[in-house]
Protein backbone atom coordinates (compact mmCIF):
# COMPACT_ATOMS: atom_id res chain seq x y z
CA UNK A 1 -17.60 -9.42 -16.38
CA UNK A 2 -20.44 -7.21 -15.14
CA UNK A 3 -19.04 -4.28 -13.17
CA UNK A 4 -20.89 -1.94 -10.82
CA UNK A 5 -19.14 1.40 -10.17
CA UNK A 6 -20.30 3.27 -7.07
CA UNK A 7 -19.15 6.90 -7.31
CA UNK A 8 -19.70 8.89 -4.12
CA UNK A 9 -18.94 12.59 -4.44
CA UNK A 10 -19.15 15.17 -1.70
CA UNK A 11 -21.13 18.40 -2.07
CA UNK A 12 -18.03 20.44 -2.84
CA UNK A 13 -17.09 18.17 -5.68
CA UNK A 14 -13.46 18.34 -6.71
CA UNK A 15 -13.22 18.87 -10.52
CA UNK A 16 -10.22 16.54 -10.64
CA UNK A 17 -12.14 13.84 -8.78
CA UNK A 18 -15.08 14.31 -11.12
CA UNK A 19 -12.84 13.99 -14.16
CA UNK A 20 -11.26 10.87 -12.71
CA UNK A 21 -14.72 9.42 -12.06
CA UNK A 22 -15.73 9.94 -15.68
CA UNK A 23 -12.39 8.78 -17.07
CA UNK A 24 -12.23 5.57 -15.05
CA UNK A 25 -15.76 4.68 -16.21
CA UNK A 26 -14.70 5.29 -19.80
CA UNK A 27 -11.68 2.99 -19.45
CA UNK A 28 -13.65 0.28 -17.68
CA UNK A 29 -16.36 0.52 -20.30
CA UNK A 30 -13.91 0.08 -23.19
CA UNK A 31 -12.09 -2.86 -21.60
CA UNK A 32 -12.67 -6.10 -23.43
CA UNK A 33 -13.19 -8.07 -20.21
CA UNK A 34 -16.00 -5.77 -19.02
CA UNK A 35 -19.18 -6.67 -20.86
CA UNK A 36 -21.55 -4.42 -18.92
CA UNK A 37 -21.04 -1.38 -16.67
CA UNK A 38 -23.52 0.04 -14.16
CA UNK A 39 -22.78 3.39 -12.47
CA UNK A 40 -24.55 4.32 -9.22
CA UNK A 41 -23.74 7.85 -8.11
CA UNK A 42 -25.04 10.66 -5.91
CA UNK A 43 -24.17 13.31 -8.50
CA UNK A 44 -26.02 14.54 -11.55
CA UNK A 45 -23.80 12.48 -13.76
CA UNK A 46 -23.50 13.87 -17.31
CA UNK A 47 -24.23 11.38 -20.03
CA UNK A 48 -21.09 12.39 -21.91
CA UNK A 49 -19.95 8.82 -22.35
CA UNK A 50 -20.98 6.28 -24.91
CA UNK A 51 -24.17 4.59 -23.74
CA UNK A 52 -23.13 1.26 -25.20
CA UNK A 53 -23.26 -1.34 -22.40
CA UNK A 54 -23.49 1.50 -19.87
CA UNK A 55 -26.27 2.08 -17.35
CA UNK A 56 -26.20 5.16 -15.10
CA UNK A 57 -28.29 5.52 -11.92
CA UNK A 58 -27.82 9.17 -10.81
CA UNK A 59 -28.84 11.11 -7.69
CA UNK A 60 -28.55 8.14 -5.35
CA UNK A 61 -28.40 9.11 -1.68
CA UNK A 62 -25.80 7.63 0.65
CA UNK A 63 -26.83 9.61 3.73
CA UNK A 64 -27.87 7.34 6.59
CA UNK A 65 -28.43 3.59 6.79
CA UNK A 66 -31.90 3.69 5.25
CA UNK A 67 -30.66 5.21 2.01
CA UNK A 68 -27.53 3.07 2.12
CA UNK A 69 -29.59 -0.09 2.08
CA UNK A 70 -31.59 1.24 -0.85
CA UNK A 71 -28.34 1.53 -2.76
CA UNK A 72 -27.32 -1.94 -1.65
CA UNK A 73 -30.59 -3.27 -3.07
CA UNK A 74 -29.75 -1.55 -6.36
CA UNK A 75 -26.39 -3.32 -6.40
CA UNK A 76 -27.95 -6.69 -5.52
CA UNK A 77 -30.45 -6.24 -8.31
CA UNK A 78 -27.64 -5.78 -10.83
CA UNK A 79 -25.87 -8.99 -9.64
CA UNK A 80 -22.36 -7.72 -10.42
CA UNK A 81 -19.22 -9.80 -10.77
CA UNK A 82 -17.16 -6.99 -9.25
CA UNK A 83 -17.64 -3.57 -7.61
CA UNK A 84 -15.50 -0.45 -7.86
CA UNK A 85 -16.05 2.23 -5.18
CA UNK A 86 -14.85 5.73 -6.08
CA UNK A 87 -15.11 7.98 -2.99
CA UNK A 88 -14.33 11.70 -2.81
CA UNK A 89 -13.84 13.58 0.49
CA UNK A 90 -13.45 17.11 -0.78
CA UNK A 91 -16.34 18.20 1.44
CA UNK A 92 -14.93 19.44 4.74
CA UNK A 93 -18.10 18.63 6.60
CA UNK A 94 -17.34 15.90 9.10
CA UNK A 95 -21.00 14.89 9.15
CA UNK A 96 -20.94 14.30 5.41
CA UNK A 97 -17.73 12.31 5.62
CA UNK A 98 -18.94 10.05 8.39
CA UNK A 99 -22.24 9.48 6.60
CA UNK A 100 -20.45 8.38 3.45
CA UNK A 101 -18.57 5.75 5.36
CA UNK A 102 -21.76 4.63 7.06
CA UNK A 103 -22.66 3.41 3.61
CA UNK A 104 -19.45 1.45 3.31
CA UNK A 105 -19.94 -0.33 6.63
CA UNK A 106 -23.08 -2.27 5.62
CA UNK A 107 -21.62 -2.67 2.15
CA UNK A 108 -18.86 -4.89 3.49
CA UNK A 109 -21.02 -7.21 5.47
CA UNK A 110 -23.49 -7.50 2.61
CA UNK A 111 -21.18 -7.62 -0.39
CA UNK A 112 -18.06 -9.21 1.06
CA UNK A 113 -18.21 -12.17 -1.30
CA UNK A 114 -18.02 -9.91 -4.35
CA UNK A 115 -14.54 -8.68 -5.39
CA UNK A 116 -14.32 -4.98 -4.56
CA UNK A 117 -11.87 -2.10 -4.94
CA UNK A 118 -12.05 1.17 -3.02
CA UNK A 119 -10.45 4.24 -4.59
CA UNK A 120 -10.17 7.16 -2.15
CA UNK A 121 -9.83 10.45 -4.00
CA UNK A 122 -8.49 12.01 -0.80
CA UNK A 123 -6.80 10.45 2.18
CA UNK A 124 -8.91 9.97 5.29
CA UNK A 125 -7.85 13.20 6.95
CA UNK A 126 -10.66 14.75 4.90
CA UNK A 127 -13.08 12.87 7.12
CA UNK A 128 -12.34 15.29 9.95
CA UNK A 129 -10.45 18.53 9.47
CA UNK A 130 -11.29 20.16 12.80
CA UNK A 131 -7.91 19.61 14.49
CA UNK A 132 -9.23 20.77 17.89
CA UNK A 133 -11.19 17.57 18.23
CA UNK A 134 -7.89 15.70 18.52
CA UNK A 135 -6.53 17.84 21.35
CA UNK A 136 -8.59 16.07 24.00
CA UNK A 137 -9.19 12.42 24.75
CA UNK A 138 -8.77 10.61 21.42
CA UNK A 139 -10.80 7.59 22.34
CA UNK A 140 -13.78 9.58 23.60
CA UNK A 141 -14.08 11.42 20.31
CA UNK A 142 -16.80 9.86 18.19
CA UNK A 143 -15.29 10.86 14.87
CA UNK A 144 -11.93 9.43 15.89
CA UNK A 145 -13.66 6.19 16.87
CA UNK A 146 -15.30 6.04 13.45
CA UNK A 147 -11.98 6.69 11.74
CA UNK A 148 -10.24 4.03 13.82
CA UNK A 149 -13.01 1.55 13.03
CA UNK A 150 -12.75 2.35 9.32
CA UNK A 151 -8.99 1.83 9.27
CA UNK A 152 -8.86 -1.42 11.22
CA UNK A 153 -12.21 -3.05 10.47
CA UNK A 154 -13.51 -1.73 7.18
CA UNK A 155 -10.56 -1.11 4.87
CA UNK A 156 -9.04 -4.60 5.30
CA UNK A 157 -12.24 -6.17 3.99
CA UNK A 158 -11.83 -4.66 0.55
CA UNK A 159 -9.84 -6.74 -1.88
CA UNK A 160 -7.86 -3.62 -2.69
CA UNK A 161 -7.67 0.00 -1.49
CA UNK A 162 -5.86 2.75 -3.39
CA UNK A 163 -5.04 6.38 -2.77
CA UNK A 164 -4.42 8.90 -5.57
CA UNK A 165 -0.67 9.03 -5.05
CA UNK A 166 2.24 8.13 -2.82
CA UNK A 167 2.33 11.63 -1.32
CA UNK A 168 -1.13 11.16 0.18
CA UNK A 169 -0.07 7.85 1.66
CA UNK A 170 2.89 9.46 3.41
CA UNK A 171 0.78 12.41 4.54
CA UNK A 172 -1.79 10.21 6.20
CA UNK A 173 0.69 8.09 8.07
CA UNK A 174 2.74 11.09 9.14
CA UNK A 175 -0.41 12.73 10.48
CA UNK A 176 -1.66 9.64 12.30
CA UNK A 177 1.34 7.36 12.93
CA UNK A 178 -0.44 5.50 15.72
CA UNK A 179 -3.21 4.34 13.41
CA UNK A 180 -1.61 4.09 9.98
CA UNK A 181 -3.94 3.24 7.13
CA UNK A 182 -1.85 0.47 5.68
CA UNK A 183 -4.09 -2.51 6.15
CA UNK A 184 -5.12 -3.39 2.61
CA UNK A 185 -3.45 -4.47 -0.62
CA UNK A 186 -2.87 -1.97 -3.35
CA UNK A 187 -2.21 -1.26 -6.99
CA UNK A 188 1.33 -0.05 -7.43
CA UNK A 189 1.90 2.30 -10.36
CA UNK A 190 5.14 2.91 -12.21
CA UNK A 191 5.45 6.12 -10.20
CA UNK A 192 6.43 3.99 -7.23
CA UNK A 193 7.90 0.82 -8.69
CA UNK A 194 10.33 2.34 -11.18
CA UNK A 195 14.03 1.60 -10.53
CA UNK A 196 14.79 5.22 -9.70
CA UNK A 197 12.49 4.97 -6.74
CA UNK A 198 14.25 1.89 -5.42
CA UNK A 199 17.69 3.34 -5.85
CA UNK A 200 18.78 6.59 -7.50
CA UNK A 201 22.11 5.01 -8.44
CA UNK A 202 21.46 1.81 -10.40
CA UNK A 203 25.17 1.03 -10.42
CA UNK A 204 25.24 0.60 -6.65
CA UNK A 205 23.42 -2.08 -4.69
CA UNK A 206 23.02 -0.43 -1.30
CA UNK A 207 21.65 -2.57 1.52
CA UNK A 208 20.57 -0.68 4.63
CA UNK A 209 21.33 -3.11 7.44
CA UNK A 210 20.13 -3.16 11.03
CA UNK A 211 22.15 -5.46 13.28
CA UNK A 212 20.82 -7.28 16.32
CA UNK A 213 22.39 -8.62 19.49
CA UNK A 214 25.22 -10.54 17.75
CA UNK A 215 26.58 -8.07 15.16
CA UNK A 216 29.79 -9.94 14.25
CA UNK A 217 27.98 -13.18 13.50
CA UNK A 218 25.13 -11.44 11.65
CA UNK A 219 27.43 -9.31 9.52
CA UNK A 220 29.61 -12.32 8.70
CA UNK A 221 26.51 -14.13 7.42
CA UNK A 222 25.60 -11.12 5.27
CA UNK A 223 29.18 -10.87 3.94
CA UNK A 224 29.15 -14.53 2.85
CA UNK A 225 25.81 -13.84 1.15
CA UNK A 226 26.81 -10.75 -0.85
CA UNK A 227 30.01 -12.43 -2.01
CA UNK A 228 27.74 -14.75 -4.01
CA UNK A 229 25.88 -11.85 -5.65
CA UNK A 230 27.10 -10.87 -9.10
CA UNK A 231 27.05 -7.08 -8.83
CA UNK A 232 29.89 -4.68 -9.65
CA UNK A 233 29.39 -2.47 -6.61
CA UNK A 234 27.75 -3.38 -3.30
CA UNK A 235 27.50 -1.20 -0.22
CA UNK A 236 26.48 -2.56 3.18
CA UNK A 237 25.21 0.49 5.02
CA UNK A 238 24.99 0.27 8.81
CA UNK A 239 23.34 2.53 11.33
CA UNK A 240 25.09 1.22 14.44
CA UNK A 241 26.57 3.02 17.41
CA UNK A 242 30.40 2.71 17.11
CA UNK A 243 30.58 2.12 20.86
CA UNK A 244 28.43 -0.96 20.39
CA UNK A 245 30.12 -2.41 17.30
CA UNK A 246 33.59 -1.72 15.88
CA UNK A 247 33.19 -1.87 12.11
CA UNK A 248 36.88 -1.15 11.42
CA UNK A 249 37.89 -4.19 13.45
CA UNK A 250 35.43 -6.34 11.53
CA UNK A 251 36.81 -5.13 8.19
CA UNK A 252 40.39 -5.85 9.26
CA UNK A 253 39.55 -9.38 10.39
CA UNK A 254 37.69 -10.41 7.24
CA UNK A 255 38.62 -10.92 3.60
CA UNK A 256 36.41 -8.36 1.83
CA UNK A 257 36.38 -8.19 -2.00
CA UNK A 258 36.98 -4.86 -3.72
CA UNK A 259 33.40 -4.62 -4.99
CA UNK A 260 32.00 -4.73 -1.42
CA UNK A 261 32.10 -1.68 0.81
CA UNK A 262 31.02 -1.34 4.46
CA UNK A 263 29.96 2.08 5.75
CA UNK A 264 28.49 3.13 9.08
CA UNK A 265 26.13 6.10 8.72
CA UNK A 266 25.30 6.22 12.42
CA UNK A 267 22.40 8.68 12.60
CA UNK A 268 19.01 9.14 14.22
CA UNK A 269 17.52 10.26 10.90
CA UNK A 270 16.13 6.89 9.89
CA UNK A 271 14.08 8.37 7.06
CA UNK A 272 17.04 9.78 5.14
CA UNK A 273 19.14 6.72 5.89
CA UNK A 274 16.58 4.25 4.56
CA UNK A 275 15.51 6.42 1.61
CA UNK A 276 18.98 6.35 0.08
CA UNK A 277 19.23 2.58 -0.05
CA UNK A 278 17.93 -0.15 -2.34
CA UNK A 279 16.31 -2.13 0.47
CA UNK A 280 16.32 -2.58 4.23
CA UNK A 281 17.61 -5.74 5.88
CA UNK A 282 16.95 -6.79 9.48
CA UNK A 283 19.45 -9.46 10.47
CA UNK A 284 17.59 -10.67 13.57
CA UNK A 285 14.13 -10.34 15.07
CA UNK A 286 15.20 -8.38 18.16
CA UNK A 287 15.88 -5.21 16.15
CA UNK A 288 12.28 -5.28 14.93
CA UNK A 289 11.19 -4.06 18.35
CA UNK A 290 12.35 -0.58 17.36
CA UNK A 291 9.13 0.89 16.01
CA UNK A 292 10.74 4.09 14.72
CA UNK A 293 12.88 2.08 12.31
CA UNK A 294 9.93 0.02 11.10
CA UNK A 295 7.66 2.97 10.65
CA UNK A 296 10.13 4.94 8.54
CA UNK A 297 11.02 1.88 6.47
CA UNK A 298 7.35 1.18 5.77
CA UNK A 299 6.49 4.80 4.96
CA UNK A 300 9.10 4.94 2.23
CA UNK A 301 7.84 1.72 0.70
CA UNK A 302 11.25 0.12 0.14
CA UNK A 303 11.41 -3.67 0.27
CA UNK A 304 12.12 -5.04 3.74
CA UNK A 305 13.95 -8.31 4.27
CA UNK A 306 13.34 -10.04 7.58
CA UNK A 307 14.64 -13.24 9.21
CA UNK A 308 12.92 -16.48 8.36
CA UNK A 309 10.73 -16.57 11.45
CA UNK A 310 7.00 -17.16 11.10
CA UNK A 311 6.01 -14.77 13.86
CA UNK A 312 7.83 -11.79 12.36
CA UNK A 313 5.37 -10.69 9.68
CA UNK A 314 2.32 -11.15 11.89
CA UNK A 315 4.01 -9.23 14.69
CA UNK A 316 4.82 -6.31 12.41
CA UNK A 317 1.36 -6.23 10.87
CA UNK A 318 -0.26 -6.23 14.29
CA UNK A 319 1.60 -2.98 14.89
CA UNK A 320 0.22 -1.61 11.64
CA UNK A 321 3.43 -1.46 9.59
CA UNK A 322 3.50 -2.05 5.86
CA UNK A 323 6.40 -4.05 4.52
CA UNK A 324 7.42 -6.15 1.55
CA UNK A 325 8.50 -9.36 3.22
CA UNK A 326 11.02 -11.79 1.89
CA UNK A 327 12.21 -14.18 4.57
CA UNK A 328 15.43 -15.97 3.56
CA UNK A 329 16.20 -19.47 4.81
CA UNK A 330 19.94 -19.44 4.12
CA UNK A 331 22.71 -17.54 2.34
CA UNK A 332 21.70 -18.73 -1.12
CA UNK A 333 18.05 -17.85 -0.57
CA UNK A 334 18.95 -14.43 0.83
CA UNK A 335 21.32 -13.75 -2.06
CA UNK A 336 18.67 -14.65 -4.65
CA UNK A 337 16.16 -12.47 -2.86
CA UNK A 338 18.46 -9.44 -2.83
CA UNK A 339 19.33 -9.89 -6.51
CA UNK A 340 15.68 -10.34 -7.52
CA UNK A 341 14.62 -7.20 -5.66
CA UNK A 342 17.50 -5.14 -7.02
CA UNK A 343 17.28 -6.21 -10.66
CA UNK A 344 13.52 -6.24 -11.11
CA UNK A 345 11.44 -3.12 -11.75
CA UNK A 346 8.36 -4.89 -10.45
CA UNK A 347 10.15 -6.82 -7.74
CA UNK A 348 7.10 -6.97 -5.48
CA UNK A 349 5.00 -8.65 -8.13
CA UNK A 350 7.56 -11.43 -8.49
CA UNK A 351 8.06 -11.92 -4.77
CA UNK A 352 4.55 -11.43 -3.48
CA UNK A 353 2.08 -12.75 -6.06
CA UNK A 354 -0.74 -11.87 -3.72
CA UNK A 355 -3.76 -9.48 -3.82
CA UNK A 356 -1.62 -7.47 -6.15
CA UNK A 357 -1.72 -5.69 -9.46
CA UNK A 358 1.04 -3.75 -11.16
CA UNK A 359 0.39 -0.95 -13.63
CA UNK A 360 3.10 -0.70 -16.29
CA UNK A 361 2.60 3.06 -16.60
CA UNK A 362 1.19 5.80 -14.43
CA UNK A 363 -1.82 6.29 -16.69
CA UNK A 364 -5.53 5.67 -16.15
CA UNK A 365 -5.56 3.13 -18.96
CA UNK A 366 -2.74 1.14 -17.39
CA UNK A 367 -4.14 1.42 -13.86
CA UNK A 368 -7.61 0.39 -15.04
CA UNK A 369 -6.06 -2.61 -16.75
CA UNK A 370 -4.41 -3.56 -13.45
CA UNK A 371 -7.76 -3.23 -11.67
CA UNK A 372 -9.46 -5.47 -14.22
CA UNK A 373 -6.72 -8.09 -13.99
CA UNK A 374 -7.16 -8.16 -10.24
CA UNK A 375 -10.94 -8.50 -10.56
CA UNK A 376 -10.50 -11.30 -13.08
CA UNK A 377 -8.13 -13.15 -10.76
CA UNK A 378 -10.65 -13.00 -7.94
CA UNK A 379 -13.56 -13.99 -10.15
CA UNK A 380 -11.54 -16.99 -11.31
CA UNK A 381 -11.02 -17.77 -7.63
CA UNK A 382 -7.28 -17.70 -7.78
CA UNK A 383 -5.81 -18.07 -4.33
CA UNK A 384 -3.91 -15.11 -2.90
CA UNK A 385 -2.07 -14.79 0.36
CA UNK A 386 -2.90 -12.07 2.86
CA UNK A 387 -0.82 -9.12 1.67
CA UNK A 388 -1.81 -6.06 3.70
CA UNK A 389 -0.43 -2.72 2.61
CA UNK A 390 -2.11 0.55 1.89
CA UNK A 391 -1.05 3.07 -0.81
CA UNK A 392 -0.68 3.57 -4.49
């Protein structure tokens, strides 16, 4: 594999970003699958790395379309098998930030057939830090238009987009919930996929459940399902208004095994409610109209189980929500899905098998290996489904 790394640093270069830029090159360079590495950067890149199979093109300019196309010609000349973009937005100048992304815009339309990964060293809020510009008409603000275009038109065209950490992902979506940047696949590190993140108590399978218009029928279906799951302790957690559904009456009318517990945590704090569970289950499609529930479920990154209806996932993604979808067809299918999610550290890899890579550890070596595996899969033209989520 011949890899081109495009490292774009802002004028106020973050030392951490610089170190990451050098380290990721080092790991790519030493990977057995990467036979040749070419680095194109706007910085005075120190030749502190081994020069074996490494070519560095420093002081490249990404300001404006004219210079951007010069860089594109450099990339074309190298004829890479894959491209890794490393972008830093430490510079608080909005002009600089917008100009950097002007480079990415023609990059997509020119290089879209080449597998590409974008690593953002900072979340996109760094593109515009002058909060006063957002106090007026959002859609008449040029910078906001650029940001919106980037999120919905540019990012999805990358094969993969990653942020430095999960905290940045939450920060971005909390800041701009109307235009969440969750429209591209991602590398998930052990920081996110470890069992403790899914559920602090591994001895309790806790299913956060949202009931629809027929709660008795839906909960009966779920009860029949969990009876088939071989777990010592299962909790079905509801967030339902007691005036709408009488849980005590349901419990009295049904034969419930000792290992299954029903609890109603009726609260408006969706975030805390969902965070403390293993997964979130929507029993019918009508509850999916509640955007607050979806947004909080997607921000946390827990797996979301939805009804087996083809229009569900597309409907949610049109609204910009990230979710791990597993649509059960029947009780057996739903039971297997719940067990697989609960018992697997890398549950999403087993269920999704899409534009996806999983790092076994939260280290650069492991993450780089995941990147390379993803590149290799694309180069080998393996078919992936359209899995659109944004964070790492």
